[in-house]
Amino acid sequence: MTMTDTLESLKQKLQHFVDEREWAQFHSPKNLAMAMIVEAAELVEHFQWDTEADSHVLTDERREQVGQELADTFVYLLRISQVLDIDLIDAANRKIALNGLKYPVDKARGKNNKYTDYQ
């Protein structure tokens, strides 16, 4: 099974979930984007006061909680892509290619500068 097959399967499962509950009426791009940001904020709460090193160490319980927040964020991202008919795999591949131009290896390796610093 390819990653695309897995993503397609998840999209179908999500669409079925939404259809069964008749929730599509509430899934405007605005509402979905706002819900996604709320979930992303809940993810950030798990790391809010951690040091860089601490943020890498998760207990089993915390890993489960972080995983649930990641899943919530991902599901809203996937759902908004469905509503707007955006192929996330294609969009991500195009963005990685664009970022490759913005952040050339010879200038960006080991640095976290914004791309405008390389021009």
N, C-alpha and C. Protein backbone atom coordinates (compact mmCIF):
# COMPACT_ATOMS: atom_id res chain seq x y z
N MET A 1 0.85 -1.18 0.00
CA MET A 1 0.00 0.00 0.00
C MET A 1 0.89 1.24 0.00
N THR A 2 0.56 2.20 -0.83
CA THR A 2 1.36 3.43 -0.90
C THR A 2 0.80 4.46 0.08
N MET A 3 1.58 5.51 0.31
CA MET A 3 1.12 6.56 1.20
C MET A 3 -0.16 7.20 0.65
N THR A 4 -0.24 7.35 -0.68
CA THR A 4 -1.44 7.93 -1.29
C THR A 4 -2.65 7.05 -1.02
N ASP A 5 -2.48 5.73 -1.13
CA ASP A 5 -3.59 4.82 -0.83
C ASP A 5 -4.05 4.99 0.61
N THR A 6 -3.11 5.12 1.51
CA THR A 6 -3.44 5.30 2.92
C THR A 6 -4.17 6.63 3.12
N LEU A 7 -3.70 7.67 2.50
CA LEU A 7 -4.34 8.97 2.62
C LEU A 7 -5.73 8.93 1.99
N GLU A 8 -5.86 8.29 0.85
CA GLU A 8 -7.17 8.17 0.20
C GLU A 8 -8.14 7.40 1.09
N SER A 9 -7.67 6.34 1.71
CA SER A 9 -8.51 5.56 2.61
C SER A 9 -8.99 6.41 3.79
N LEU A 10 -8.09 7.19 4.34
CA LEU A 10 -8.44 8.07 5.45
C LEU A 10 -9.44 9.14 5.01
N LYS A 11 -9.24 9.69 3.82
CA LYS A 11 -10.18 10.68 3.30
C LYS A 11 -11.57 10.09 3.14
N GLN A 12 -11.65 8.87 2.66
CA GLN A 12 -12.95 8.21 2.51
C GLN A 12 -13.60 7.97 3.86
N LYS A 13 -12.82 7.52 4.83
CA LYS A 13 -13.34 7.29 6.18
C LYS A 13 -13.86 8.60 6.78
N LEU A 14 -13.10 9.67 6.60
CA LEU A 14 -13.50 10.98 7.12
C LEU A 14 -14.77 11.47 6.44
N GLN A 15 -14.85 11.31 5.13
CA GLN A 15 -16.05 11.73 4.40
C GLN A 15 -17.27 10.95 4.88
N HIS A 16 -17.12 9.67 5.09
CA HIS A 16 -18.21 8.83 5.59
C HIS A 16 -18.64 9.30 6.98
N PHE A 17 -17.69 9.58 7.83
CA PHE A 17 -17.96 10.07 9.19
C PHE A 17 -18.78 11.36 9.14
N VAL A 18 -18.35 12.29 8.29
CA VAL A 18 -19.05 13.58 8.15
C VAL A 18 -20.45 13.38 7.57
N ASP A 19 -20.54 12.56 6.53
CA ASP A 19 -21.83 12.32 5.87
C ASP A 19 -22.84 11.69 6.82
N GLU A 20 -22.41 10.72 7.61
CA GLU A 20 -23.33 10.06 8.54
C GLU A 20 -23.93 11.04 9.54
N ARG A 21 -23.19 12.05 9.90
CA ARG A 21 -23.63 13.02 10.90
C ARG A 21 -24.23 14.29 10.29
N GLU A 22 -24.22 14.35 8.97
CA GLU A 22 -24.71 15.53 8.24
C GLU A 22 -24.02 16.81 8.72
N TRP A 23 -22.70 16.72 8.82
CA TRP A 23 -21.91 17.85 9.31
C TRP A 23 -21.34 18.72 8.21
N ALA A 24 -21.45 18.31 6.95
CA ALA A 24 -20.86 19.09 5.87
C ALA A 24 -21.39 20.53 5.87
N GLN A 25 -22.62 20.69 6.30
CA GLN A 25 -23.22 22.03 6.34
C GLN A 25 -22.46 22.99 7.26
N PHE A 26 -21.70 22.45 8.19
CA PHE A 26 -20.95 23.29 9.14
C PHE A 26 -19.48 23.44 8.73
N HIS A 27 -19.08 22.74 7.67
CA HIS A 27 -17.66 22.68 7.32
C HIS A 27 -17.28 23.68 6.23
N SER A 28 -17.45 24.95 6.55
CA SER A 28 -16.94 25.98 5.65
C SER A 28 -15.43 26.05 5.81
N PRO A 29 -14.72 26.51 4.79
CA PRO A 29 -13.27 26.66 4.96
C PRO A 29 -12.91 27.51 6.18
N LYS A 30 -13.66 28.56 6.43
CA LYS A 30 -13.40 29.41 7.60
C LYS A 30 -13.53 28.62 8.89
N ASN A 31 -14.62 27.90 9.05
CA ASN A 31 -14.84 27.14 10.28
C ASN A 31 -13.78 26.06 10.47
N LEU A 32 -13.44 25.37 9.40
CA LEU A 32 -12.44 24.31 9.49
C LEU A 32 -11.06 24.86 9.80
N ALA A 33 -10.71 25.99 9.19
CA ALA A 33 -9.41 26.60 9.47
C ALA A 33 -9.32 27.04 10.92
N MET A 34 -10.40 27.63 11.42
CA MET A 34 -10.42 28.06 12.82
C MET A 34 -10.32 26.85 13.76
N ALA A 35 -11.06 25.79 13.47
CA ALA A 35 -11.01 24.59 14.30
C ALA A 35 -9.61 23.98 14.29
N MET A 36 -8.96 23.99 13.13
CA MET A 36 -7.61 23.44 13.02
C MET A 36 -6.64 24.22 13.89
N ILE A 37 -6.76 25.53 13.89
CA ILE A 37 -5.87 26.37 14.70
C ILE A 37 -6.10 26.14 16.19
N VAL A 38 -7.36 25.96 16.59
CA VAL A 38 -7.66 25.66 17.99
C VAL A 38 -6.97 24.37 18.40
N GLU A 39 -7.06 23.35 17.56
CA GLU A 39 -6.41 22.08 17.87
C GLU A 39 -4.90 22.23 17.89
N ALA A 40 -4.35 23.00 16.99
CA ALA A 40 -2.90 23.24 16.98
C ALA A 40 -2.48 23.95 18.27
N ALA A 41 -3.30 24.86 18.75
CA ALA A 41 -3.01 25.54 20.02
C ALA A 41 -3.03 24.55 21.17
N GLU A 42 -3.96 23.60 21.14
CA GLU A 42 -3.99 22.57 22.18
C GLU A 42 -2.74 21.71 22.13
N LEU A 43 -2.20 21.48 20.95
CA LEU A 43 -0.94 20.76 20.81
C LEU A 43 0.20 21.56 21.45
N VAL A 44 0.24 22.85 21.17
CA VAL A 44 1.29 23.71 21.70
C VAL A 44 1.28 23.72 23.23
N GLU A 45 0.09 23.63 23.83
CA GLU A 45 -0.01 23.62 25.29
C GLU A 45 0.83 22.51 25.92
N HIS A 46 0.97 21.39 25.24
CA HIS A 46 1.73 20.27 25.80
C HIS A 46 3.22 20.58 25.91
N PHE A 47 3.69 21.57 25.17
CA PHE A 47 5.12 21.91 25.15
C PHE A 47 5.40 23.31 25.68
N GLN A 48 4.37 24.01 26.09
CA GLN A 48 4.47 25.44 26.41
C GLN A 48 5.62 25.79 27.34
N TRP A 49 5.83 25.05 28.39
CA TRP A 49 6.85 25.41 29.37
C TRP A 49 8.05 24.46 29.34
N ASP A 50 8.11 23.61 28.35
CA ASP A 50 9.24 22.68 28.23
C ASP A 50 10.49 23.39 27.74
N THR A 51 11.63 22.84 28.13
CA THR A 51 12.88 23.25 27.48
C THR A 51 12.94 22.54 26.14
N GLU A 52 13.88 22.91 25.31
CA GLU A 52 14.06 22.22 24.02
C GLU A 52 14.27 20.72 24.27
N ALA A 53 15.13 20.41 25.23
CA ALA A 53 15.42 19.00 25.51
C ALA A 53 14.19 18.27 26.04
N ASP A 54 13.46 18.89 26.96
CA ASP A 54 12.27 18.26 27.54
C ASP A 54 11.21 17.97 26.49
N SER A 55 11.13 18.80 25.47
CA SER A 55 10.09 18.63 24.45
C SER A 55 10.28 17.33 23.65
N HIS A 56 11.46 16.74 23.73
CA HIS A 56 11.73 15.48 23.02
C HIS A 56 11.36 14.25 23.83
N VAL A 57 11.12 14.43 25.13
CA VAL A 57 10.89 13.30 26.02
C VAL A 57 9.41 13.26 26.40
N LEU A 58 8.73 12.20 25.99
CA LEU A 58 7.31 12.06 26.28
C LEU A 58 7.05 10.77 27.04
N THR A 59 6.29 10.87 28.12
CA THR A 59 5.81 9.66 28.77
C THR A 59 4.80 9.02 27.85
N ASP A 60 4.43 7.79 28.11
CA ASP A 60 3.42 7.12 27.29
C ASP A 60 2.11 7.89 27.29
N GLU A 61 1.72 8.38 28.47
CA GLU A 61 0.46 9.12 28.58
C GLU A 61 0.53 10.43 27.78
N ARG A 62 1.62 11.13 27.93
CA ARG A 62 1.77 12.40 27.20
C ARG A 62 1.86 12.16 25.70
N ARG A 63 2.54 11.08 25.29
CA ARG A 63 2.64 10.75 23.87
C ARG A 63 1.23 10.52 23.29
N GLU A 64 0.39 9.84 24.05
CA GLU A 64 -0.99 9.61 23.62
C GLU A 64 -1.74 10.93 23.47
N GLN A 65 -1.60 11.81 24.44
CA GLN A 65 -2.28 13.11 24.40
C GLN A 65 -1.79 13.95 23.23
N VAL A 66 -0.48 14.00 23.03
CA VAL A 66 0.09 14.75 21.91
C VAL A 66 -0.38 14.14 20.59
N GLY A 67 -0.41 12.82 20.52
CA GLY A 67 -0.89 12.14 19.32
C GLY A 67 -2.33 12.49 19.01
N GLN A 68 -3.16 12.60 20.03
CA GLN A 68 -4.55 12.97 19.80
C GLN A 68 -4.67 14.40 19.27
N GLU A 69 -3.87 15.31 19.79
CA GLU A 69 -3.91 16.69 19.29
C GLU A 69 -3.37 16.77 17.87
N LEU A 70 -2.32 16.02 17.57
CA LEU A 70 -1.82 15.96 16.20
C LEU A 70 -2.89 15.40 15.26
N ALA A 71 -3.57 14.35 15.71
CA ALA A 71 -4.63 13.75 14.89
C ALA A 71 -5.76 14.74 14.66
N ASP A 72 -6.18 15.45 15.70
CA ASP A 72 -7.24 16.45 15.53
C ASP A 72 -6.85 17.49 14.50
N THR A 73 -5.62 17.99 14.61
CA THR A 73 -5.13 19.01 13.68
C THR A 73 -5.09 18.44 12.26
N PHE A 74 -4.59 17.22 12.13
CA PHE A 74 -4.48 16.58 10.83
C PHE A 74 -5.84 16.33 10.20
N VAL A 75 -6.80 15.89 10.99
CA VAL A 75 -8.15 15.63 10.46
C VAL A 75 -8.78 16.92 9.94
N TYR A 76 -8.63 18.01 10.67
CA TYR A 76 -9.17 19.28 10.17
C TYR A 76 -8.43 19.74 8.91
N LEU A 77 -7.13 19.54 8.86
CA LEU A 77 -6.37 19.87 7.65
C LEU A 77 -6.86 19.04 6.47
N LEU A 78 -7.03 17.76 6.71
CA LEU A 78 -7.52 16.87 5.65
C LEU A 78 -8.92 17.27 5.21
N ARG A 79 -9.76 17.61 6.16
CA ARG A 79 -11.14 17.97 5.84
C ARG A 79 -11.20 19.27 5.02
N ILE A 80 -10.41 20.26 5.41
CA ILE A 80 -10.43 21.52 4.64
C ILE A 80 -9.90 21.27 3.23
N SER A 81 -8.95 20.37 3.08
CA SER A 81 -8.45 20.05 1.73
C SER A 81 -9.54 19.38 0.91
N GLN A 82 -10.39 18.57 1.55
CA GLN A 82 -11.51 17.95 0.84
C GLN A 82 -12.51 19.01 0.39
N VAL A 83 -12.87 19.90 1.30
CA VAL A 83 -13.86 20.92 1.00
C VAL A 83 -13.40 21.83 -0.13
N LEU A 84 -12.11 22.14 -0.16
CA LEU A 84 -11.56 23.04 -1.17
C LEU A 84 -10.99 22.30 -2.39
N ASP A 85 -11.08 20.97 -2.38
CA ASP A 85 -10.57 20.14 -3.47
C ASP A 85 -9.10 20.44 -3.76
N ILE A 86 -8.29 20.38 -2.71
CA ILE A 86 -6.85 20.58 -2.82
C ILE A 86 -6.17 19.26 -2.51
N ASP A 87 -5.35 18.80 -3.43
CA ASP A 87 -4.58 17.57 -3.25
C ASP A 87 -3.39 17.89 -2.36
N LEU A 88 -3.44 17.43 -1.11
CA LEU A 88 -2.38 17.76 -0.15
C LEU A 88 -1.02 17.22 -0.55
N ILE A 89 -0.98 16.03 -1.11
CA ILE A 89 0.30 15.45 -1.53
C ILE A 89 0.92 16.30 -2.63
N ASP A 90 0.13 16.68 -3.61
CA ASP A 90 0.62 17.53 -4.69
C ASP A 90 1.04 18.90 -4.16
N ALA A 91 0.21 19.49 -3.29
CA ALA A 91 0.52 20.80 -2.73
C ALA A 91 1.81 20.75 -1.91
N ALA A 92 1.98 19.69 -1.12
CA ALA A 92 3.19 19.55 -0.31
C ALA A 92 4.42 19.36 -1.19
N ASN A 93 4.31 18.55 -2.22
CA ASN A 93 5.45 18.36 -3.13
C ASN A 93 5.84 19.66 -3.83
N ARG A 94 4.84 20.42 -4.26
CA ARG A 94 5.13 21.70 -4.91
C ARG A 94 5.77 22.68 -3.91
N LYS A 95 5.30 22.66 -2.66
CA LYS A 95 5.84 23.57 -1.65
C LYS A 95 7.28 23.20 -1.30
N ILE A 96 7.57 21.90 -1.21
CA ILE A 96 8.94 21.48 -0.93
C ILE A 96 9.87 21.92 -2.06
N ALA A 97 9.42 21.79 -3.30
CA ALA A 97 10.23 22.24 -4.44
C ALA A 97 10.46 23.75 -4.38
N LEU A 98 9.41 24.50 -4.06
CA LEU A 98 9.53 25.95 -3.94
C LEU A 98 10.50 26.32 -2.81
N ASN A 99 10.37 25.63 -1.66
CA ASN A 99 11.27 25.91 -0.55
C ASN A 99 12.71 25.55 -0.90
N GLY A 100 12.89 24.56 -1.76
CA GLY A 100 14.24 24.22 -2.22
C GLY A 100 14.88 25.37 -2.97
N LEU A 101 14.07 26.11 -3.72
CA LEU A 101 14.57 27.29 -4.43
C LEU A 101 14.83 28.44 -3.46
N LYS A 102 13.96 28.60 -2.49
CA LYS A 102 14.10 29.69 -1.51
C LYS A 102 15.28 29.46 -0.57
N TYR A 103 15.52 28.18 -0.25
CA TYR A 103 16.55 27.82 0.72
C TYR A 103 17.59 26.89 0.07
N PRO A 104 18.45 27.43 -0.79
CA PRO A 104 19.45 26.58 -1.44
C PRO A 104 20.39 25.96 -0.38
N VAL A 105 20.71 24.70 -0.60
CA VAL A 105 21.51 23.94 0.36
C VAL A 105 22.80 24.67 0.70
N ASP A 106 23.48 25.18 -0.30
CA ASP A 106 24.78 25.80 -0.06
C ASP A 106 24.69 27.06 0.80
N LYS A 107 23.52 27.67 0.87
CA LYS A 107 23.36 28.88 1.68
C LYS A 107 22.61 28.61 2.99
N ALA A 108 21.76 27.60 3.00
CA ALA A 108 20.88 27.40 4.15
C ALA A 108 21.32 26.29 5.10
N ARG A 109 22.22 25.44 4.70
CA ARG A 109 22.61 24.30 5.53
C ARG A 109 23.06 24.75 6.92
N GLY A 110 22.38 24.20 7.93
CA GLY A 110 22.75 24.49 9.32
C GLY A 110 22.33 25.86 9.82
N LYS A 111 21.53 26.57 9.05
CA LYS A 111 21.09 27.92 9.44
C LYS A 111 19.56 27.96 9.49
N ASN A 112 19.02 28.85 10.29
CA ASN A 112 17.57 28.99 10.36
C ASN A 112 17.10 30.38 9.91
N ASN A 113 17.91 31.03 9.10
CA ASN A 113 17.56 32.36 8.61
C ASN A 113 16.34 32.26 7.68
N LYS A 114 15.62 33.37 7.58
CA LYS A 114 14.53 33.45 6.61
C LYS A 114 15.12 33.53 5.19
N TYR A 115 14.38 33.02 4.23
CA TYR A 115 14.89 32.94 2.86
C TYR A 115 15.30 34.29 2.30
N THR A 116 14.71 35.39 2.76
CA THR A 116 15.07 36.71 2.25
C THR A 116 16.52 37.07 2.59
N ASP A 117 17.09 36.41 3.60
CA ASP A 117 18.49 36.66 3.95
C ASP A 117 19.46 36.05 2.94
N TYR A 118 18.96 35.15 2.08
CA TYR A 118 19.82 34.46 1.12
C TYR A 118 19.80 35.11 -0.25
N GLN A 119 19.04 36.15 -0.41
CA GLN A 119 18.91 36.75 -1.76
C GLN A 119 19.84 37.91 -1.93
